[in-house]
Amino acid sequence: MARLPKVTRESLSPEDQQHYDYIAGSRGRVVGPFTVLLNSPDVAERIAHVGTYIRFENTLPGNLRELAILTVAREWNCQFEWTAHQPIGEGEGLSAASIAAVRDRTAPDGLDGDEALVFTYVSSLLEKGRVPDDVFRQVQERFGTRTLTDLTATTGYYSMLACVLNAAAVTPDEGTPHLLPDAEY
């Protein structure tokens, strides 16, 4: 059970319903982190605005974007984020072996060249708070400065969402199988 109220459109004041409508319009519905972020409607809409670019418009190829998101979800042990994005990653062409390598913490083994590079970049940033110079250079040479920046922002954005989801104890809806091993606290 979530630690914060899950906000519905009807629970918001008439002036704050516009924030709910913006989020629903940009994603098709309000789900997951946004159900609790709407406890601060201005924050929720601002985060959703950034997320629209990160999730739907950035320069990372879809499979690598989803690999980065799954790497973040695994580092944060964020069940909701993993369960939401594993099927998206599959739809973007991530192989079962690549997903398993991240889930089972055996990556970068089991990942192809670009996947291993993205995984190493994201996991280094999250584990050490830094990216080694050689990894940074490799990502920049392979993908360019703009995509490197998008990868870094994707890592930060989904880390923020994982913090919100984990702090508020938001989990997948009842009856939805948990696709990531449950973390113990």
Protein backbone atom coordinates (compact mmCIF):
# COMPACT_ATOMS: atom_id res chain seq x y z
CA MET A 1 0.00 0.00 0.00
CA ALA A 2 1.34 3.40 -0.96
CA ARG A 3 2.48 5.63 1.88
CA LEU A 4 1.03 8.72 0.22
CA PRO A 5 -2.49 9.19 -1.04
CA LYS A 6 -2.97 8.23 -4.68
CA VAL A 7 -4.43 11.36 -6.19
CA THR A 8 -7.41 11.23 -8.50
CA ARG A 9 -8.66 14.07 -10.64
CA GLU A 10 -11.70 14.43 -8.41
CA SER A 11 -9.58 14.75 -5.27
CA LEU A 12 -7.85 17.85 -6.64
CA SER A 13 -9.15 21.38 -6.42
CA PRO A 14 -10.64 22.74 -9.64
CA GLU A 15 -7.53 24.90 -10.22
CA ASP A 16 -5.20 21.90 -9.76
CA GLN A 17 -7.15 19.61 -12.09
CA GLN A 18 -5.30 21.21 -15.02
CA HIS A 19 -2.10 19.53 -13.78
CA TYR A 20 -3.81 16.15 -13.74
CA ASP A 21 -5.19 16.80 -17.23
CA TYR A 22 -1.74 17.73 -18.56
CA ILE A 23 -0.22 14.50 -17.25
CA ALA A 24 -3.11 12.37 -18.52
CA GLY A 25 -2.88 14.05 -21.91
CA SER A 26 0.87 13.53 -22.24
CA ARG A 27 0.76 9.84 -21.25
CA GLY A 28 -2.78 8.67 -21.92
CA ARG A 29 -3.44 8.19 -18.20
CA VAL A 30 -2.10 9.03 -14.76
CA VAL A 31 -0.26 6.10 -13.23
CA GLY A 32 2.61 5.15 -10.95
CA PRO A 33 4.77 7.99 -9.72
CA PHE A 34 2.36 10.64 -10.94
CA THR A 35 -0.44 9.32 -8.73
CA VAL A 36 1.62 10.37 -5.70
CA LEU A 37 3.52 13.29 -7.23
CA LEU A 38 0.16 14.98 -7.74
CA ASN A 39 0.13 15.55 -3.98
CA SER A 40 2.20 18.53 -5.17
CA PRO A 41 0.47 19.34 -8.48
CA ASP A 42 3.01 21.90 -9.72
CA VAL A 43 5.90 19.50 -9.13
CA ALA A 44 4.02 16.68 -10.84
CA GLU A 45 3.37 18.69 -14.00
CA ARG A 46 6.93 20.02 -14.19
CA ILE A 47 8.35 16.52 -13.79
CA ALA A 48 5.89 15.20 -16.38
CA HIS A 49 7.00 17.89 -18.82
CA VAL A 50 10.63 16.78 -18.55
CA GLY A 51 9.50 13.16 -18.70
CA THR A 52 7.67 13.71 -21.97
CA TYR A 53 11.00 14.50 -23.60
CA ILE A 54 12.97 11.82 -21.75
CA ARG A 55 10.47 9.02 -22.43
CA PHE A 56 9.06 9.90 -25.82
CA GLU A 57 11.36 12.31 -27.66
CA ASN A 58 15.01 11.88 -26.69
CA THR A 59 17.74 10.82 -29.09
CA LEU A 60 18.53 7.41 -27.58
CA PRO A 61 17.35 4.46 -29.66
CA GLY A 62 14.34 2.87 -27.92
CA ASN A 63 16.09 -0.34 -26.95
CA LEU A 64 18.98 1.56 -25.34
CA ARG A 65 16.65 4.01 -23.61
CA GLU A 66 14.77 1.09 -22.07
CA LEU A 67 18.01 -0.68 -21.14
CA ALA A 68 19.08 2.49 -19.32
CA ILE A 69 15.71 2.67 -17.53
CA LEU A 70 15.89 -0.99 -16.52
CA THR A 71 19.44 -0.45 -15.25
CA VAL A 72 18.19 2.43 -13.11
CA ALA A 73 15.23 0.39 -11.87
CA ARG A 74 17.54 -2.49 -10.93
CA GLU A 75 20.05 -0.24 -9.16
CA TRP A 76 17.22 1.29 -7.11
CA ASN A 77 15.37 -2.05 -6.74
CA CYS A 78 12.28 -0.27 -7.98
CA GLN A 79 9.62 -2.88 -8.61
CA PHE A 80 7.10 -0.51 -10.19
CA GLU A 81 9.60 1.00 -12.62
CA TRP A 82 10.99 -2.40 -13.62
CA THR A 83 7.57 -4.01 -14.03
CA ALA A 84 6.35 -1.06 -16.12
CA HIS A 85 9.42 -0.92 -18.38
CA GLN A 86 10.36 -4.56 -18.94
CA PRO A 87 7.48 -5.05 -21.42
CA ILE A 88 8.32 -1.73 -23.10
CA GLY A 89 11.94 -2.87 -23.43
CA GLU A 90 10.78 -6.14 -24.97
CA GLY A 91 8.66 -4.16 -27.42
CA GLU A 92 11.67 -1.99 -28.29
CA GLY A 93 13.68 -5.09 -29.15
CA LEU A 94 15.60 -5.87 -25.96
CA SER A 95 16.29 -9.59 -25.86
CA ALA A 96 15.25 -11.80 -22.98
CA ALA A 97 18.96 -12.45 -22.38
CA SER A 98 19.73 -8.73 -22.09
CA ILE A 99 16.84 -8.16 -19.69
CA ALA A 100 17.88 -11.16 -17.60
CA ALA A 101 21.51 -9.94 -17.46
CA VAL A 102 20.41 -6.65 -15.91
CA ARG A 103 17.78 -8.24 -13.65
CA ASP A 104 20.14 -10.97 -12.43
CA ARG A 105 23.05 -8.56 -11.97
CA THR A 106 25.33 -10.40 -14.40
CA ALA A 107 25.61 -7.48 -16.86
CA PRO A 108 27.55 -6.35 -18.75
CA ASP A 109 27.98 -10.07 -19.52
CA GLY A 110 25.14 -11.05 -21.83
CA LEU A 111 24.85 -7.61 -23.43
CA ASP A 112 25.93 -6.61 -26.94
CA GLY A 113 28.42 -3.77 -27.55
CA ASP A 114 26.08 -0.76 -27.40
CA GLU A 115 24.03 -2.29 -24.59
CA ALA A 116 27.16 -3.05 -22.55
CA LEU A 117 28.38 0.51 -23.07
CA VAL A 118 25.06 2.04 -21.95
CA PHE A 119 24.83 -0.32 -18.99
CA THR A 120 28.39 0.48 -17.89
CA TYR A 121 27.77 4.24 -18.20
CA VAL A 122 24.51 4.17 -16.23
CA SER A 123 25.63 1.72 -13.56
CA SER A 124 28.92 3.59 -13.02
CA LEU A 125 27.09 6.87 -12.60
CA LEU A 126 24.64 5.36 -10.10
CA GLU A 127 27.09 3.20 -8.15
CA LYS A 128 30.02 5.61 -7.99
CA GLY A 129 28.42 8.97 -8.67
CA ARG A 130 30.88 9.35 -11.55
CA VAL A 131 31.60 7.92 -14.99
CA PRO A 132 35.17 6.81 -15.75
CA ASP A 133 36.86 8.96 -18.42
CA ASP A 134 37.26 6.05 -20.85
CA VAL A 135 33.57 5.10 -20.61
CA PHE A 136 32.50 8.73 -21.02
CA ARG A 137 34.71 9.07 -24.11
CA GLN A 138 33.40 5.83 -25.59
CA VAL A 139 29.76 6.89 -25.17
CA GLN A 140 30.48 10.34 -26.59
CA GLU A 141 32.36 8.94 -29.59
CA ARG A 142 29.72 6.27 -30.26
CA PHE A 143 26.57 8.36 -29.81
CA GLY A 144 27.59 12.02 -29.82
CA THR A 145 27.32 14.73 -27.22
CA ARG A 146 23.56 15.24 -27.48
CA THR A 147 22.73 11.56 -26.98
CA LEU A 148 25.27 11.30 -24.15
CA THR A 149 23.48 14.22 -22.51
CA ASP A 150 20.11 12.52 -23.08
CA LEU A 151 21.46 9.29 -21.56
CA THR A 152 22.67 11.16 -18.49
CA ALA A 153 19.33 12.97 -18.14
CA THR A 154 17.45 9.68 -18.59
CA THR A 155 19.49 8.18 -15.77
CA GLY A 156 18.73 11.13 -13.50
CA TYR A 157 15.04 11.34 -14.40
CA TYR A 158 14.31 7.67 -13.81
CA SER A 159 16.40 7.73 -10.62
CA MET A 160 14.18 10.54 -9.36
CA LEU A 161 11.07 8.54 -10.24
CA ALA A 162 12.50 5.45 -8.52
CA CYS A 163 13.07 7.55 -5.39
CA VAL A 164 9.46 8.75 -5.48
CA LEU A 165 8.10 5.26 -6.10
CA ASN A 166 10.26 3.61 -3.43
CA ALA A 167 9.77 6.31 -0.80
CA ALA A 168 6.01 6.28 -1.30
CA ALA A 169 5.96 2.46 -1.53
CA VAL A 170 4.16 2.47 -4.88
CA THR A 171 4.07 -1.04 -6.32
CA PRO A 172 2.41 -2.54 -9.38
CA ASP A 173 -1.36 -2.86 -9.22
CA GLU A 174 -2.70 -5.86 -7.36
CA GLY A 175 -2.72 -8.89 -9.61
CA THR A 176 0.17 -7.61 -11.73
CA PRO A 177 3.11 -10.01 -11.51
CA HIS A 178 6.26 -8.51 -10.03
CA LEU A 179 8.96 -8.90 -12.68
CA LEU A 180 11.89 -7.89 -10.46
CA PRO A 181 12.86 -9.85 -7.36
CA ASP A 182 11.33 -8.07 -4.38
CA ALA A 183 13.86 -6.15 -2.30
CA GLU A 184 13.93 -6.70 1.44
CA TYR A 185 14.24 -3.75 3.79
